[in-house]
PDB file of N, CA and C in Angstrom:
ATOM      1  N   MET A   1      -4.272  -4.236  12.972  1.00  0.00           N
ATOM      2  CA  MET A   1      -3.414  -3.542  12.034  1.00  0.00           C
ATOM      3  C   MET A   1      -2.258  -4.443  11.616  1.00  0.00           C
ATOM      4  N   SER A   2      -1.710  -4.179  10.481  1.00  0.00           N
ATOM      5  CA  SER A   2      -0.614  -4.981   9.962  1.00  0.00           C
ATOM      6  C   SER A   2       0.626  -4.823  10.829  1.00  0.00           C
ATOM      7  N   LYS A   3       1.311  -5.917  11.024  1.00  0.00           N
ATOM      8  CA  LYS A   3       2.556  -5.885  11.785  1.00  0.00           C
ATOM      9  C   LYS A   3       3.727  -5.527  10.879  1.00  0.00           C
ATOM     10  N   LYS A   4       3.508  -5.473   9.573  1.00  0.00           N
ATOM     11  CA  LYS A   4       4.578  -5.213   8.621  1.00  0.00           C
ATOM     12  C   LYS A   4       4.463  -3.797   8.068  1.00  0.00           C
ATOM     13  N   ILE A   5       4.536  -2.824   8.910  1.00  0.00           N
ATOM     14  CA  ILE A   5       4.478  -1.429   8.473  1.00  0.00           C
ATOM     15  C   ILE A   5       5.910  -0.929   8.359  1.00  0.00           C
ATOM     16  N   HIS A   6       6.302  -0.549   7.173  1.00  0.00           N
ATOM     17  CA  HIS A   6       7.637  -0.026   6.963  1.00  0.00           C
ATOM     18  C   HIS A   6       7.553   1.187   6.061  1.00  0.00           C
ATOM     19  N   THR A   7       8.156   2.251   6.495  1.00  0.00           N
ATOM     20  CA  THR A   7       8.183   3.456   5.691  1.00  0.00           C
ATOM     21  C   THR A   7       9.243   3.343   4.612  1.00  0.00           C
ATOM     22  N   PHE A   8      10.356   2.753   4.964  1.00  0.00           N
ATOM     23  CA  PHE A   8      11.414   2.526   3.993  1.00  0.00           C
ATOM     24  C   PHE A   8      12.165   1.269   4.384  1.00  0.00           C
ATOM     25  N   ALA A   9      12.820   0.666   3.424  1.00  0.00           N
ATOM     26  CA  ALA A   9      13.590  -0.553   3.682  1.00  0.00           C
ATOM     27  C   ALA A   9      15.061  -0.244   3.494  1.00  0.00           C
ATOM     28  N   ASN A  10      15.861  -0.713   4.399  1.00  0.00           N
ATOM     29  CA  ASN A  10      17.289  -0.488   4.289  1.00  0.00           C
ATOM     30  C   ASN A  10      17.892  -1.538   3.361  1.00  0.00           C
ATOM     31  N   GLU A  11      18.628  -1.095   2.394  1.00  0.00           N
ATOM     32  CA  GLU A  11      19.223  -2.027   1.440  1.00  0.00           C
ATOM     33  C   GLU A  11      20.745  -1.918   1.434  1.00  0.00           C
ATOM     34  N   TYR A  12      21.304  -1.429   2.518  1.00  0.00           N
ATOM     35  CA  TYR A  12      22.740  -1.265   2.604  1.00  0.00           C
ATOM     36  C   TYR A  12      23.310  -2.311   3.546  1.00  0.00           C
ATOM     37  N   GLU A  13      24.515  -2.793   3.233  1.00  0.00           N
ATOM     38  CA  GLU A  13      25.124  -3.856   4.027  1.00  0.00           C
ATOM     39  C   GLU A  13      25.380  -3.431   5.473  1.00  0.00           C
ATOM     40  N   ASN A  14      25.802  -2.189   5.665  1.00  0.00           N
ATOM     41  CA  ASN A  14      26.145  -1.743   7.016  1.00  0.00           C
ATOM     42  C   ASN A  14      24.964  -1.088   7.729  1.00  0.00           C
ATOM     43  N   ASP A  15      23.776  -1.190   7.165  1.00  0.00           N
ATOM     44  CA  ASP A  15      22.559  -0.658   7.762  1.00  0.00           C
ATOM     45  C   ASP A  15      22.570   0.857   7.961  1.00  0.00           C
ATOM     46  N   GLU A  16      23.439   1.555   7.269  1.00  0.00           N
ATOM     47  CA  GLU A  16      23.452   3.003   7.396  1.00  0.00           C
ATOM     48  C   GLU A  16      22.988   3.613   6.078  1.00  0.00           C
ATOM     49  N   PRO A  17      21.878   4.356   6.095  1.00  0.00           N
ATOM     50  CA  PRO A  17      21.417   4.996   4.876  1.00  0.00           C
ATOM     51  C   PRO A  17      22.382   6.098   4.445  1.00  0.00           C
ATOM     52  N   ILE A  18      22.508   6.277   3.142  1.00  0.00           N
ATOM     53  CA  ILE A  18      23.427   7.303   2.663  1.00  0.00           C
ATOM     54  C   ILE A  18      22.703   8.462   2.000  1.00  0.00           C
ATOM     55  N   GLY A  19      21.414   8.367   1.818  1.00  0.00           N
ATOM     56  CA  GLY A  19      20.671   9.446   1.205  1.00  0.00           C
ATOM     57  C   GLY A  19      19.214   9.083   1.099  1.00  0.00           C
ATOM     58  N   ALA A  20      18.418  10.024   0.666  1.00  0.00           N
ATOM     59  CA  ALA A  20      16.983   9.780   0.537  1.00  0.00           C
ATOM     60  C   ALA A  20      16.467  10.497  -0.695  1.00  0.00           C
ATOM     61  N   LEU A  21      15.528   9.875  -1.385  1.00  0.00           N
ATOM     62  CA  LEU A  21      14.923  10.500  -2.554  1.00  0.00           C
ATOM     63  C   LEU A  21      13.670  11.246  -2.143  1.00  0.00           C
ATOM     64  N   ALA A  22      13.450  12.381  -2.766  1.00  0.00           N
ATOM     65  CA  ALA A  22      12.228  13.142  -2.528  1.00  0.00           C
ATOM     66  C   ALA A  22      11.528  13.276  -3.874  1.00  0.00           C
ATOM     67  N   TYR A  23      10.519  12.458  -4.127  1.00  0.00           N
ATOM     68  CA  TYR A  23       9.823  12.479  -5.410  1.00  0.00           C
ATOM     69  C   TYR A  23       8.834  13.637  -5.439  1.00  0.00           C
ATOM     70  N   THR A  24       8.913  14.418  -6.481  1.00  0.00           N
ATOM     71  CA  THR A  24       7.987  15.534  -6.625  1.00  0.00           C
ATOM     72  C   THR A  24       7.259  15.454  -7.957  1.00  0.00           C
ATOM     73  N   ASP A  25       8.004  15.422  -9.021  1.00  0.00           N
ATOM     74  CA  ASP A  25       7.421  15.398 -10.361  1.00  0.00           C
ATOM     75  C   ASP A  25       8.122  14.298 -11.140  1.00  0.00           C
ATOM     76  N   PHE A  26       7.365  13.240 -11.481  1.00  0.00           N
ATOM     77  CA  PHE A  26       7.980  12.089 -12.132  1.00  0.00           C
ATOM     78  C   PHE A  26       8.437  12.372 -13.560  1.00  0.00           C
ATOM     79  N   SER A  27       8.045  13.495 -14.119  1.00  0.00           N
ATOM     80  CA  SER A  27       8.486  13.820 -15.468  1.00  0.00           C
ATOM     81  C   SER A  27       9.880  14.441 -15.459  1.00  0.00           C
ATOM     82  N   LYS A  28      10.388  14.786 -14.277  1.00  0.00           N
ATOM     83  CA  LYS A  28      11.712  15.393 -14.134  1.00  0.00           C
ATOM     84  C   LYS A  28      12.585  14.471 -13.293  1.00  0.00           C
ATOM     85  N   PRO A  29      13.887  14.624 -13.379  1.00  0.00           N
ATOM     86  CA  PRO A  29      14.759  13.816 -12.517  1.00  0.00           C
ATOM     87  C   PRO A  29      14.429  14.066 -11.053  1.00  0.00           C
ATOM     88  N   SER A  30      14.494  13.032 -10.247  1.00  0.00           N
ATOM     89  CA  SER A  30      14.174  13.149  -8.825  1.00  0.00           C
ATOM     90  C   SER A  30      15.336  13.784  -8.078  1.00  0.00           C
ATOM     91  N   PRO A  31      15.054  14.805  -7.281  1.00  0.00           N
ATOM     92  CA  PRO A  31      16.138  15.395  -6.484  1.00  0.00           C
ATOM     93  C   PRO A  31      16.564  14.423  -5.388  1.00  0.00           C
ATOM     94  N   ILE A  32      17.826  14.491  -5.011  1.00  0.00           N
ATOM     95  CA  ILE A  32      18.348  13.611  -3.963  1.00  0.00           C
ATOM     96  C   ILE A  32      18.673  14.466  -2.752  1.00  0.00           C
ATOM     97  N   LEU A  33      18.095  14.086  -1.617  1.00  0.00           N
ATOM     98  CA  LEU A  33      18.383  14.804  -0.384  1.00  0.00           C
ATOM     99  C   LEU A  33      19.777  14.444   0.098  1.00  0.00           C
ATOM    100  N   GLN A  34      20.487  15.447   0.599  1.00  0.00           N
ATOM    101  CA  GLN A  34      21.832  15.211   1.109  1.00  0.00           C
ATOM    102  C   GLN A  34      22.018  15.997   2.397  1.00  0.00           C
ATOM    103  N   GLY A  35      23.000  15.614   3.155  1.00  0.00           N
ATOM    104  CA  GLY A  35      23.369  16.345   4.351  1.00  0.00           C
ATOM    105  C   GLY A  35      22.261  16.391   5.386  1.00  0.00           C
ATOM    106  N   GLU A  36      22.028  17.596   5.942  1.00  0.00           N
ATOM    107  CA  GLU A  36      21.044  17.769   7.003  1.00  0.00           C
ATOM    108  C   GLU A  36      19.635  17.411   6.546  1.00  0.00           C
ATOM    109  N   ASP A  37      19.305  17.698   5.286  1.00  0.00           N
ATOM    110  CA  ASP A  37      17.974  17.353   4.768  1.00  0.00           C
ATOM    111  C   ASP A  37      17.752  15.849   4.792  1.00  0.00           C
ATOM    112  N   ALA A  38      18.747  15.087   4.364  1.00  0.00           N
ATOM    113  CA  ALA A  38      18.627  13.625   4.358  1.00  0.00           C
ATOM    114  C   ALA A  38      18.557  13.090   5.786  1.00  0.00           C
ATOM    115  N   GLU A  39      19.361  13.655   6.684  1.00  0.00           N
ATOM    116  CA  GLU A  39      19.337  13.215   8.079  1.00  0.00           C
ATOM    117  C   GLU A  39      17.973  13.496   8.715  1.00  0.00           C
ATOM    118  N   ARG A  40      17.419  14.689   8.463  1.00  0.00           N
ATOM    119  CA  ARG A  40      16.105  15.043   9.001  1.00  0.00           C
ATOM    120  C   ARG A  40      15.033  14.110   8.440  1.00  0.00           C
ATOM    121  N   PHE A  41      15.110  13.836   7.138  1.00  0.00           N
ATOM    122  CA  PHE A  41      14.160  12.927   6.507  1.00  0.00           C
ATOM    123  C   PHE A  41      14.191  11.565   7.200  1.00  0.00           C
ATOM    124  N   PHE A  42      15.373  11.012   7.413  1.00  0.00           N
ATOM    125  CA  PHE A  42      15.482   9.700   8.044  1.00  0.00           C
ATOM    126  C   PHE A  42      15.033   9.722   9.496  1.00  0.00           C
ATOM    127  N   ARG A  43      15.336  10.800  10.225  1.00  0.00           N
ATOM    128  CA  ARG A  43      14.859  10.895  11.619  1.00  0.00           C
ATOM    129  C   ARG A  43      13.341  10.871  11.661  1.00  0.00           C
ATOM    130  N   ILE A  44      12.717  11.644  10.782  1.00  0.00           N
ATOM    131  CA  ILE A  44      11.247  11.706  10.744  1.00  0.00           C
ATOM    132  C   ILE A  44      10.669  10.356  10.341  1.00  0.00           C
ATOM    133  N   MET A  45      11.249   9.717   9.329  1.00  0.00           N
ATOM    134  CA  MET A  45      10.738   8.433   8.860  1.00  0.00           C
ATOM    135  C   MET A  45      10.920   7.354   9.925  1.00  0.00           C
ATOM    136  N   GLU A  46      12.058   7.345  10.610  1.00  0.00           N
ATOM    137  CA  GLU A  46      12.274   6.361  11.666  1.00  0.00           C
ATOM    138  C   GLU A  46      11.283   6.571  12.806  1.00  0.00           C
ATOM    139  N   GLU A  47      11.018   7.831  13.168  1.00  0.00           N
ATOM    140  CA  GLU A  47      10.048   8.126  14.221  1.00  0.00           C
ATOM    141  C   GLU A  47       8.650   7.674  13.802  1.00  0.00           C
ATOM    142  N   ASN A  48       8.283   7.947  12.552  1.00  0.00           N
ATOM    143  CA  ASN A  48       6.976   7.507  12.059  1.00  0.00           C
ATOM    144  C   ASN A  48       6.871   5.988  12.043  1.00  0.00           C
ATOM    145  N   GLU A  49       7.937   5.318  11.666  1.00  0.00           N
ATOM    146  CA  GLU A  49       7.924   3.858  11.654  1.00  0.00           C
ATOM    147  C   GLU A  49       7.804   3.306  13.076  1.00  0.00           C
ATOM    148  N   ARG A  50       8.485   3.933  14.034  1.00  0.00           N
ATOM    149  CA  ARG A  50       8.396   3.512  15.430  1.00  0.00           C
ATOM    150  C   ARG A  50       6.965   3.699  15.948  1.00  0.00           C
ATOM    151  N   LYS A  51       6.356   4.849  15.639  1.00  0.00           N
ATOM    152  CA  LYS A  51       4.973   5.104  16.069  1.00  0.00           C
ATOM    153  C   LYS A  51       4.008   4.095  15.440  1.00  0.00           C
ATOM    154  N   ALA A  52       4.217   3.780  14.168  1.00  0.00           N
ATOM    155  CA  ALA A  52       3.344   2.818  13.489  1.00  0.00           C
ATOM    156  C   ALA A  52       3.489   1.433  14.105  1.00  0.00           C
ATOM    157  N   ALA A  53       4.713   1.054  14.470  1.00  0.00           N
ATOM    158  CA  ALA A  53       4.930  -0.251  15.096  1.00  0.00           C
ATOM    159  C   ALA A  53       4.242  -0.312  16.460  1.00  0.00           C
ATOM    160  N   GLU A  54       4.313   0.785  17.212  1.00  0.00           N
ATOM    161  CA  GLU A  54       3.633   0.833  18.511  1.00  0.00           C
ATOM    162  C   GLU A  54       2.121   0.730  18.335  1.00  0.00           C
ATOM    163  N   LYS A  55       1.596   1.452  17.346  1.00  0.00           N
ATOM    164  CA  LYS A  55       0.152   1.430  17.100  1.00  0.00           C
ATOM    165  C   LYS A  55      -0.306   0.042  16.669  1.00  0.00           C
ATOM    166  N   ALA A  56       0.538  -0.655  15.883  1.00  0.00           N
ATOM    167  CA  ALA A  56       0.183  -1.996  15.411  1.00  0.00           C
ATOM    168  C   ALA A  56       0.070  -2.984  16.566  1.00  0.00           C
ATOM    169  N   LYS A  57       0.781  -2.719  17.663  1.00  0.00           N
ATOM    170  CA  LYS A  57       0.737  -3.609  18.823  1.00  0.00           C
ATOM    171  C   LYS A  57      -0.527  -3.416  19.651  1.00  0.00           C
ATOM    172  N   GLN A  58      -1.171  -2.263  19.493  1.00  0.00           N
ATOM    173  CA  GLN A  58      -2.367  -1.956  20.272  1.00  0.00           C
ATOM    174  C   GLN A  58      -3.564  -2.735  19.724  1.00  0.00           C
ATOM    175  N   PRO A  59      -4.472  -3.173  20.615  1.00  0.00           N
ATOM    176  CA  PRO A  59      -5.679  -3.845  20.120  1.00  0.00           C
ATOM    177  C   PRO A  59      -6.575  -2.850  19.372  1.00  0.00           C
ATOM    178  N   MET A  60      -7.329  -3.381  18.440  1.00  0.00           N
ATOM    179  CA  MET A  60      -8.228  -2.557  17.636  1.00  0.00           C
ATOM    180  C   MET A  60      -9.354  -2.016  18.528  1.00  0.00           C
ATOM    181  N   THR A  61      -9.660  -0.741  18.360  1.00  0.00           N
ATOM    182  CA  THR A  61     -10.775  -0.159  19.107  1.00  0.00           C
ATOM    183  C   THR A  61     -12.084  -0.483  18.395  1.00  0.00           C
ATOM    184  N   LYS A  62     -13.187  -0.265  19.079  1.00  0.00           N
ATOM    185  CA  LYS A  62     -14.496  -0.518  18.478  1.00  0.00           C
ATOM    186  C   LYS A  62     -14.680   0.372  17.247  1.00  0.00           C
ATOM    187  N   ALA A  63     -14.281   1.642  17.352  1.00  0.00           N
ATOM    188  CA  ALA A  63     -14.420   2.561  16.220  1.00  0.00           C
ATOM    189  C   ALA A  63     -13.587   2.088  15.026  1.00  0.00           C
ATOM    190  N   GLU A  64     -12.363   1.609  15.294  1.00  0.00           N
ATOM    191  CA  GLU A  64     -11.517   1.102  14.215  1.00  0.00           C
ATOM    192  C   GLU A  64     -12.133  -0.149  13.595  1.00  0.00           C
ATOM    193  N   ALA A  65     -12.707  -1.013  14.424  1.00  0.00           N
ATOM    194  CA  ALA A  65     -13.345  -2.234  13.925  1.00  0.00           C
ATOM    195  C   ALA A  65     -14.554  -1.886  13.054  1.00  0.00           C
ATOM    196  N   GLU A  66     -15.347  -0.912  13.484  1.00  0.00           N
ATOM    197  CA  GLU A  66     -16.512  -0.496  12.692  1.00  0.00           C
ATOM    198  C   GLU A  66     -16.080   0.098  11.361  1.00  0.00           C
ATOM    199  N   LYS A  67     -15.028   0.913  11.382  1.00  0.00           N
ATOM    200  CA  LYS A  67     -14.504   1.513  10.153  1.00  0.00           C
ATOM    201  C   LYS A  67     -13.997   0.423   9.208  1.00  0.00           C
ATOM    202  N   ARG A  68     -13.263  -0.541   9.776  1.00  0.00           N
ATOM    203  CA  ARG A  68     -12.728  -1.649   8.972  1.00  0.00           C
ATOM    204  C   ARG A  68     -13.854  -2.497   8.391  1.00  0.00           C
ATOM    205  N   LEU A  69     -14.897  -2.741   9.190  1.00  0.00           N
ATOM    206  CA  LEU A  69     -16.046  -3.514   8.721  1.00  0.00           C
ATOM    207  C   LEU A  69     -16.730  -2.817   7.553  1.00  0.00           C
ATOM    208  N   THR A  70     -16.930  -1.523   7.671  1.00  0.00           N
ATOM    209  CA  THR A  70     -17.540  -0.752   6.581  1.00  0.00           C
ATOM    210  C   THR A  70     -16.703  -0.863   5.317  1.00  0.00           C
ATOM    211  N   TYR A  71     -15.399  -0.702   5.467  1.00  0.00           N
ATOM    212  CA  TYR A  71     -14.486  -0.810   4.332  1.00  0.00           C
ATOM    213  C   TYR A  71     -14.569  -2.201   3.703  1.00  0.00           C
ATOM    214  N   MET A  72     -14.538  -3.241   4.529  1.00  0.00           N
ATOM    215  CA  MET A  72     -14.576  -4.612   4.022  1.00  0.00           C
ATOM    216  C   MET A  72     -15.882  -4.903   3.284  1.00  0.00           C
ATOM    217  N   LYS A  73     -17.005  -4.382   3.780  1.00  0.00           N
ATOM    218  CA  LYS A  73     -18.286  -4.580   3.098  1.00  0.00           C
ATOM    219  C   LYS A  73     -18.283  -3.912   1.728  1.00  0.00           C
ATOM    220  N   ILE A  74     -17.737  -2.708   1.655  1.00  0.00           N
ATOM    221  CA  ILE A  74     -17.655  -1.998   0.377  1.00  0.00           C
ATOM    222  C   ILE A  74     -16.777  -2.783  -0.597  1.00  0.00           C
ATOM    223  N   MET A  75     -15.611  -3.233  -0.115  1.00  0.00           N
ATOM    224  CA  MET A  75     -14.699  -3.973  -0.982  1.00  0.00           C
ATOM    225  C   MET A  75     -15.295  -5.311  -1.404  1.00  0.00           C
ATOM    226  N   TYR A  76     -16.036  -5.963  -0.516  1.00  0.00           N
ATOM    227  CA  TYR A  76     -16.691  -7.225  -0.847  1.00  0.00           C
ATOM    228  C   TYR A  76     -17.671  -7.025  -1.999  1.00  0.00           C
ATOM    229  N   GLU A  77     -18.515  -6.004  -1.899  1.00  0.00           N
ATOM    230  CA  GLU A  77     -19.486  -5.726  -2.960  1.00  0.00           C
ATOM    231  C   GLU A  77     -18.772  -5.387  -4.267  1.00  0.00           C
ATOM    232  N   PHE A  78     -17.725  -4.607  -4.190  1.00  0.00           N
ATOM    233  CA  PHE A  78     -16.965  -4.230  -5.382  1.00  0.00           C
ATOM    234  C   PHE A  78     -16.391  -5.481  -6.054  1.00  0.00           C
ATOM    235  N   GLU A  79     -15.760  -6.328  -5.273  1.00  0.00           N
ATOM    236  CA  GLU A  79     -15.155  -7.542  -5.831  1.00  0.00           C
ATOM    237  C   GLU A  79     -16.217  -8.511  -6.341  1.00  0.00           C
ATOM    238  N   LYS A  80     -17.329  -8.606  -5.631  1.00  0.00           N
ATOM    239  CA  LYS A  80     -18.422  -9.476  -6.065  1.00  0.00           C
ATOM    240  C   LYS A  80     -18.944  -9.005  -7.424  1.00  0.00           C
ATOM    241  N   ASN A  81     -19.138  -7.699  -7.571  1.00  0.00           N
ATOM    242  CA  ASN A  81     -19.583  -7.148  -8.858  1.00  0.00           C
ATOM    243  C   ASN A  81     -18.568  -7.412  -9.954  1.00  0.00           C
ATOM    244  N   ASN A  82     -17.285  -7.275  -9.620  1.00  0.00           N
ATOM    245  CA  ASN A  82     -16.228  -7.561 -10.594  1.00  0.00           C
ATOM    246  C   ASN A  82     -16.301  -9.011 -11.058  1.00  0.00           C
ATOM    247  N   LEU A  83     -16.476  -9.934 -10.119  1.00  0.00           N
ATOM    248  CA  LEU A  83     -16.565 -11.352 -10.469  1.00  0.00           C
ATOM    249  C   LEU A  83     -17.795 -11.640 -11.318  1.00  0.00           C
ATOM    250  N   GLU A  84     -18.911 -11.014 -10.986  1.00  0.00           N
ATOM    251  CA  GLU A  84     -20.124 -11.207 -11.781  1.00  0.00           C
ATOM    252  C   GLU A  84     -19.927 -10.709 -13.212  1.00  0.00           C
ATOM    253  N   GLU A  85     -19.240  -9.573 -13.360  1.00  0.00           N
ATOM    254  CA  GLU A  85     -18.960  -9.047 -14.701  1.00  0.00           C
ATOM    255  C   GLU A  85     -18.037  -9.987 -15.468  1.00  0.00           C
ATOM    256  N   LYS A  86     -17.038 -10.514 -14.807  1.00  0.00           N
ATOM    257  CA  LYS A  86     -16.128 -11.468 -15.462  1.00  0.00           C
ATOM    258  C   LYS A  86     -16.878 -12.748 -15.854  1.00  0.00           C
ATOM    259  N   ALA A  87     -17.782 -13.213 -15.009  1.00  0.00           N
ATOM    260  CA  ALA A  87     -18.571 -14.409 -15.325  1.00  0.00           C
ATOM    261  C   ALA A  87     -19.431 -14.158 -16.563  1.00  0.00           C
ATOM    262  N   LYS A  88     -20.024 -12.974 -16.667  1.00  0.00           N
ATOM    263  CA  LYS A  88     -20.837 -12.631 -17.844  1.00  0.00           C
ATOM    264  C   LYS A  88     -19.974 -12.601 -19.097  1.00  0.00           C
ATOM    265  N   GLU A  89     -18.776 -12.024 -18.978  1.00  0.00           N
ATOM    266  CA  GLU A  89     -17.881 -11.945 -20.132  1.00  0.00           C
ATOM    267  C   GLU A  89     -17.434 -13.342 -20.558  1.00  0.00           C
ATOM    268  N   ILE A  90     -17.118 -14.202 -19.595  1.00  0.00           N
ATOM    269  CA  ILE A  90     -16.728 -15.586 -19.904  1.00  0.00           C
ATOM    270  C   ILE A  90     -17.868 -16.296 -20.621  1.00  0.00           C
ATOM    271  N   LYS A  91     -19.086 -16.148 -20.115  1.00  0.00           N
ATOM    272  CA  LYS A  91     -20.251 -16.790 -20.726  1.00  0.00           C
ATOM    273  C   LYS A  91     -20.443 -16.292 -22.157  1.00  0.00           C
ATOM    274  N   ALA A  92     -20.323 -14.990 -22.347  1.00  0.00           N
ATOM    275  CA  ALA A  92     -20.482 -14.426 -23.687  1.00  0.00           C
ATOM    276  C   ALA A  92     -19.414 -14.970 -24.638  1.00  0.00           C
ATOM    277  N   LEU A  93     -18.188 -15.075 -24.177  1.00  0.00           N
ATOM    278  CA  LEU A  93     -17.115 -15.608 -25.014  1.00  0.00           C
ATOM    279  C   LEU A  93     -17.342 -17.082 -25.334  1.00  0.00           C
ATOM    280  N   GLU A  94     -17.776 -17.848 -24.332  1.00  0.00           N
ATOM    281  CA  GLU A  94     -18.064 -19.264 -24.575  1.00  0.00           C
ATOM    282  C   GLU A  94     -19.209 -19.417 -25.571  1.00  0.00           C
ATOM    283  N   ASP A  95     -20.246 -18.604 -25.428  1.00  0.00           N
ATOM    284  CA  ASP A  95     -21.371 -18.649 -26.382  1.00  0.00           C
ATOM    285  C   ASP A  95     -20.905 -18.315 -27.789  1.00  0.00           C
ATOM    286  N   TYR A  96     -20.075 -17.287 -27.901  1.00  0.00           N
ATOM    287  CA  TYR A  96     -19.540 -16.877 -29.211  1.00  0.00           C
ATOM    288  C   TYR A  96     -18.736 -18.010 -29.834  1.00  0.00           C
ATOM    289  N   ILE A  97     -17.858 -18.628 -29.037  1.00  0.00           N
ATOM    290  CA  ILE A  97     -17.019 -19.726 -29.549  1.00  0.00           C
ATOM    291  C   ILE A  97     -17.883 -20.909 -29.969  1.00  0.00           C
ATOM    292  N   ASN A  98     -18.885 -21.238 -29.164  1.00  0.00           N
ATOM    293  CA  ASN A  98     -19.758 -22.360 -29.483  1.00  0.00           C
ATOM    294  C   ASN A  98     -20.576 -22.109 -30.751  1.00  0.00           C
ATOM    295  N   LYS A  99     -20.960 -20.874 -30.995  1.00  0.00           N
ATOM    296  CA  LYS A  99     -21.718 -20.532 -32.219  1.00  0.00           C
ATOM    297  C   LYS A  99     -20.827 -20.637 -33.462  1.00  0.00           C
ATOM    298  N   GLN A 100     -19.530 -20.383 -33.274  1.00  0.00           N
ATOM    299  CA  GLN A 100     -18.582 -20.433 -34.400  1.00  0.00           C
ATOM    300  C   GLN A 100     -18.232 -21.865 -34.778  1.00  0.00           C
ATOM    301  N   ALA A 101     -18.439 -22.806 -33.887  1.00  0.00           N
ATOM    302  CA  ALA A 101     -18.061 -24.192 -34.145  1.00  0.00           C
ATOM    303  C   ALA A 101     -19.031 -24.902 -35.056  1.00  0.00           C
TER     304      ALA A 101
END
């Protein structure tokens, strides 16, 4: 698992968050959490980040490796097909240009 799992990044000089955004509907202004809601949000996010960091330190199980292998095979085929399509398009464009010359 990735060692760089972060739920949120702190961008304040004193490392103290001052609020949290809760995105619901991007067509409307985003509400801003304040007070107890913002504190609860940060407690939950910090706990989730701590759990993710602990999980990242654990060795991969056989089941996780099999799941990852399946995913990688699917992505490999997808990317291979994408490259083949791009190669066909490049060839077609080169043929078109050569016919125009």
